[in-house]
């Protein structure tokens, strides 16, 4: 019988990882998303909690692209726009 070590985030008990670094990265992404959700809910009038969560998770998953865009490279956001071929 083989023994396998699994890791999971305390914020996402359903997802398991065999690599601790991946589990830590997932946990950090979820932590950032939670903080972004709070900020969006407090500062964007009329935004539903579901939309704030969805936007926050999207931004947290694409943190590097947004960081590049905020550092004077707005064209980095083009990476997040699907091409016509991908849209089909």
N, C-alpha and C. Protein backbone atom coordinates (compact mmCIF):
# COMPACT_ATOMS: atom_id res chain seq x y z
N UNK A 1 0.85 -1.17 0.00
CA UNK A 1 0.00 0.00 0.00
C UNK A 1 0.89 1.24 0.00
N UNK A 2 0.55 2.18 -0.85
CA UNK A 2 1.30 3.42 -0.95
C UNK A 2 0.67 4.48 -0.06
N UNK A 3 1.51 5.34 0.47
CA UNK A 3 1.04 6.45 1.29
C UNK A 3 1.29 7.74 0.52
N UNK A 4 0.30 8.57 0.48
CA UNK A 4 0.40 9.81 -0.26
C UNK A 4 0.03 10.97 0.66
N UNK A 5 0.85 11.99 0.69
CA UNK A 5 0.57 13.17 1.49
C UNK A 5 -0.19 14.17 0.62
N UNK A 6 -1.30 14.66 1.16
CA UNK A 6 -2.10 15.64 0.45
C UNK A 6 -2.17 16.92 1.26
N UNK A 7 -2.21 18.04 0.58
CA UNK A 7 -2.31 19.35 1.21
C UNK A 7 -3.58 20.03 0.73
N UNK A 8 -4.16 20.85 1.60
CA UNK A 8 -5.31 21.64 1.19
C UNK A 8 -5.32 22.94 1.97
N UNK A 9 -5.99 23.89 1.41
CA UNK A 9 -6.11 25.21 2.01
C UNK A 9 -7.24 25.18 3.03
N UNK A 10 -7.09 25.94 4.10
CA UNK A 10 -8.18 26.04 5.07
C UNK A 10 -9.33 26.86 4.51
N UNK A 11 -9.07 27.61 3.44
CA UNK A 11 -10.11 28.41 2.81
C UNK A 11 -10.87 27.63 1.73
N UNK A 12 -10.33 26.50 1.30
CA UNK A 12 -10.94 25.69 0.24
C UNK A 12 -10.70 24.22 0.59
N UNK A 13 -11.61 23.66 1.36
CA UNK A 13 -11.42 22.30 1.86
C UNK A 13 -11.65 21.23 0.80
N UNK A 14 -12.23 21.59 -0.32
CA UNK A 14 -12.54 20.60 -1.36
C UNK A 14 -11.36 20.32 -2.29
N UNK A 15 -10.46 21.28 -2.44
CA UNK A 15 -9.35 21.13 -3.36
C UNK A 15 -8.13 20.62 -2.61
N UNK A 16 -7.53 19.55 -3.12
CA UNK A 16 -6.32 19.00 -2.50
C UNK A 16 -5.16 19.09 -3.49
N UNK A 17 -3.95 19.14 -2.93
CA UNK A 17 -2.73 19.25 -3.72
C UNK A 17 -1.73 18.23 -3.22
N UNK A 18 -0.90 17.73 -4.10
CA UNK A 18 0.17 16.82 -3.70
C UNK A 18 1.45 17.60 -3.44
N UNK A 19 1.48 18.87 -3.80
CA UNK A 19 2.64 19.73 -3.62
C UNK A 19 2.28 20.87 -2.66
N UNK A 20 3.05 21.01 -1.61
CA UNK A 20 2.77 22.04 -0.60
C UNK A 20 2.86 23.45 -1.19
N UNK A 21 3.79 23.68 -2.10
CA UNK A 21 3.93 25.00 -2.70
C UNK A 21 2.67 25.40 -3.47
N UNK A 22 2.09 24.44 -4.16
CA UNK A 22 0.85 24.73 -4.89
C UNK A 22 -0.29 25.02 -3.94
N UNK A 23 -0.36 24.28 -2.85
CA UNK A 23 -1.40 24.52 -1.83
C UNK A 23 -1.22 25.89 -1.21
N UNK A 24 0.01 26.26 -0.90
CA UNK A 24 0.28 27.59 -0.33
C UNK A 24 -0.09 28.70 -1.31
N UNK A 25 0.26 28.51 -2.57
CA UNK A 25 -0.07 29.51 -3.59
C UNK A 25 -1.58 29.66 -3.74
N UNK A 26 -2.29 28.55 -3.69
CA UNK A 26 -3.76 28.58 -3.79
C UNK A 26 -4.34 29.32 -2.59
N UNK A 27 -3.81 29.04 -1.41
CA UNK A 27 -4.28 29.70 -0.19
C UNK A 27 -4.02 31.20 -0.25
N UNK A 28 -2.86 31.60 -0.73
CA UNK A 28 -2.54 33.03 -0.85
C UNK A 28 -3.45 33.71 -1.86
N UNK A 29 -3.75 33.01 -2.95
CA UNK A 29 -4.66 33.57 -3.95
C UNK A 29 -6.04 33.78 -3.35
N UNK A 30 -6.52 32.80 -2.57
CA UNK A 30 -7.84 32.93 -1.94
C UNK A 30 -7.85 34.03 -0.88
N UNK A 31 -6.76 34.19 -0.16
CA UNK A 31 -6.67 35.26 0.84
C UNK A 31 -6.74 36.62 0.17
N UNK A 32 -5.99 36.78 -0.93
CA UNK A 32 -6.04 38.03 -1.69
C UNK A 32 -7.45 38.28 -2.21
N UNK A 33 -8.10 37.25 -2.73
CA UNK A 33 -9.46 37.39 -3.25
C UNK A 33 -10.42 37.85 -2.15
N UNK A 34 -10.28 37.31 -0.95
CA UNK A 34 -11.14 37.72 0.17
C UNK A 34 -10.96 39.21 0.47
N UNK A 35 -9.71 39.65 0.51
CA UNK A 35 -9.44 41.06 0.80
C UNK A 35 -9.96 41.96 -0.32
N UNK A 36 -9.77 41.54 -1.56
CA UNK A 36 -10.29 42.31 -2.69
C UNK A 36 -11.82 42.40 -2.65
N UNK A 37 -12.47 41.31 -2.28
CA UNK A 37 -13.93 41.30 -2.18
C UNK A 37 -14.38 42.34 -1.17
N UNK A 38 -13.74 42.36 -0.01
CA UNK A 38 -14.09 43.34 1.01
C UNK A 38 -13.94 44.77 0.51
N UNK A 39 -12.82 45.04 -0.16
CA UNK A 39 -12.56 46.38 -0.68
C UNK A 39 -13.60 46.76 -1.73
N UNK A 40 -13.89 45.85 -2.64
CA UNK A 40 -14.87 46.14 -3.69
C UNK A 40 -16.26 46.38 -3.11
N UNK A 41 -16.65 45.56 -2.15
CA UNK A 41 -17.98 45.70 -1.54
C UNK A 41 -18.12 47.05 -0.83
N UNK A 42 -17.05 47.52 -0.22
CA UNK A 42 -17.09 48.78 0.52
C UNK A 42 -16.99 50.01 -0.38
N UNK A 43 -16.46 49.84 -1.59
CA UNK A 43 -16.17 51.00 -2.42
C UNK A 43 -16.91 51.09 -3.74
N UNK A 44 -17.61 50.04 -4.13
CA UNK A 44 -18.35 50.07 -5.39
C UNK A 44 -19.84 49.90 -5.08
N UNK A 45 -20.55 51.00 -5.19
CA UNK A 45 -21.98 50.99 -4.87
C UNK A 45 -22.75 50.10 -5.85
N UNK A 46 -23.67 49.32 -5.32
CA UNK A 46 -24.54 48.49 -6.15
C UNK A 46 -23.94 47.17 -6.58
N UNK A 47 -22.72 46.89 -6.19
CA UNK A 47 -22.06 45.64 -6.57
C UNK A 47 -22.57 44.51 -5.67
N UNK A 48 -23.02 43.44 -6.30
CA UNK A 48 -23.48 42.31 -5.49
C UNK A 48 -22.28 41.55 -4.93
N UNK A 49 -22.52 40.81 -3.86
CA UNK A 49 -21.44 40.04 -3.26
C UNK A 49 -20.91 38.99 -4.23
N UNK A 50 -21.80 38.36 -4.98
CA UNK A 50 -21.40 37.34 -5.97
C UNK A 50 -20.48 37.94 -7.03
N UNK A 51 -20.87 39.11 -7.57
CA UNK A 51 -20.05 39.76 -8.58
C UNK A 51 -18.70 40.19 -8.00
N UNK A 52 -18.72 40.70 -6.78
CA UNK A 52 -17.46 41.11 -6.13
C UNK A 52 -16.55 39.90 -5.94
N UNK A 53 -17.12 38.77 -5.51
CA UNK A 53 -16.32 37.55 -5.32
C UNK A 53 -15.75 37.06 -6.65
N UNK A 54 -16.59 37.03 -7.68
CA UNK A 54 -16.13 36.57 -9.00
C UNK A 54 -15.01 37.46 -9.53
N UNK A 55 -15.19 38.77 -9.43
CA UNK A 55 -14.16 39.71 -9.91
C UNK A 55 -12.88 39.57 -9.09
N UNK A 56 -13.03 39.40 -7.79
CA UNK A 56 -11.87 39.28 -6.91
C UNK A 56 -11.07 38.02 -7.20
N UNK A 57 -11.74 36.92 -7.40
CA UNK A 57 -11.05 35.67 -7.72
C UNK A 57 -10.34 35.79 -9.06
N UNK A 58 -11.00 36.41 -10.04
CA UNK A 58 -10.38 36.62 -11.34
C UNK A 58 -9.12 37.47 -11.21
N UNK A 59 -9.21 38.56 -10.45
CA UNK A 59 -8.05 39.44 -10.28
C UNK A 59 -6.94 38.74 -9.50
N UNK A 60 -7.29 37.97 -8.49
CA UNK A 60 -6.27 37.27 -7.70
C UNK A 60 -5.58 36.19 -8.52
N UNK A 61 -6.33 35.47 -9.36
CA UNK A 61 -5.73 34.45 -10.21
C UNK A 61 -4.79 35.06 -11.24
N UNK A 62 -5.08 36.28 -11.64
CA UNK A 62 -4.28 36.97 -12.66
C UNK A 62 -3.48 38.12 -12.06
N UNK A 63 -3.05 37.91 -10.84
CA UNK A 63 -2.34 38.92 -10.06
C UNK A 63 -1.13 39.49 -10.81
N UNK A 64 -0.34 38.66 -11.43
CA UNK A 64 0.87 39.12 -12.11
C UNK A 64 0.54 40.06 -13.27
N UNK A 65 -0.52 39.75 -14.00
CA UNK A 65 -0.91 40.59 -15.13
C UNK A 65 -1.38 41.95 -14.62
N UNK A 66 -2.22 41.94 -13.57
CA UNK A 66 -2.69 43.21 -13.01
C UNK A 66 -1.54 44.01 -12.42
N UNK A 67 -0.59 43.35 -11.76
CA UNK A 67 0.57 44.04 -11.20
C UNK A 67 1.36 44.73 -12.31
N UNK A 68 1.56 44.05 -13.42
CA UNK A 68 2.28 44.65 -14.54
C UNK A 68 1.51 45.85 -15.10
N UNK A 69 0.19 45.72 -15.18
CA UNK A 69 -0.63 46.82 -15.69
C UNK A 69 -0.56 48.03 -14.77
N UNK A 70 -0.55 47.79 -13.47
CA UNK A 70 -0.49 48.89 -12.51
C UNK A 70 0.90 49.53 -12.45
N UNK A 71 1.89 48.84 -12.99
CA UNK A 71 3.25 49.38 -13.02
C UNK A 71 3.53 50.01 -14.38
N UNK A 72 2.56 50.71 -14.92
CA UNK A 72 2.73 51.45 -16.17
C UNK A 72 2.84 50.58 -17.40
N UNK A 73 2.23 49.42 -17.40
CA UNK A 73 2.22 48.56 -18.58
C UNK A 73 0.79 48.09 -18.83
N UNK A 74 -0.07 49.04 -19.14
CA UNK A 74 -1.49 48.74 -19.33
C UNK A 74 -1.74 47.69 -20.40
N UNK A 75 -0.84 47.59 -21.37
CA UNK A 75 -1.01 46.61 -22.44
C UNK A 75 -0.91 45.17 -21.93
N UNK A 76 -0.39 44.98 -20.73
CA UNK A 76 -0.33 43.64 -20.15
C UNK A 76 -1.72 43.04 -20.02
N UNK A 77 -2.72 43.90 -19.87
CA UNK A 77 -4.10 43.41 -19.74
C UNK A 77 -4.58 42.70 -21.00
N UNK A 78 -3.92 42.92 -22.12
CA UNK A 78 -4.28 42.21 -23.36
C UNK A 78 -4.16 40.71 -23.21
N UNK A 79 -3.31 40.26 -22.27
CA UNK A 79 -3.17 38.82 -22.03
C UNK A 79 -4.47 38.20 -21.52
N UNK A 80 -5.32 39.01 -20.93
CA UNK A 80 -6.57 38.51 -20.34
C UNK A 80 -7.73 38.54 -21.33
N UNK A 81 -7.52 39.13 -22.48
CA UNK A 81 -8.56 39.22 -23.49
C UNK A 81 -8.43 38.05 -24.44
N UNK A 82 -9.47 37.21 -24.53
CA UNK A 82 -9.38 36.07 -25.43
C UNK A 82 -9.29 36.52 -26.89
N UNK A 83 -8.50 35.81 -27.68
CA UNK A 83 -8.41 36.12 -29.10
C UNK A 83 -9.69 35.64 -29.78
N UNK A 84 -9.88 36.05 -31.01
CA UNK A 84 -11.09 35.63 -31.74
C UNK A 84 -11.15 34.11 -31.88
N UNK A 85 -10.00 33.48 -32.07
CA UNK A 85 -9.97 32.02 -32.21
C UNK A 85 -10.37 31.34 -30.92
N UNK A 86 -9.91 31.87 -29.77
CA UNK A 86 -10.26 31.27 -28.48
C UNK A 86 -11.73 31.47 -28.17
N UNK A 87 -12.32 32.59 -28.61
CA UNK A 87 -13.72 32.88 -28.33
C UNK A 87 -14.65 31.94 -29.07
N UNK A 88 -14.20 31.41 -30.20
CA UNK A 88 -15.04 30.51 -31.00
C UNK A 88 -15.03 29.17 -30.40
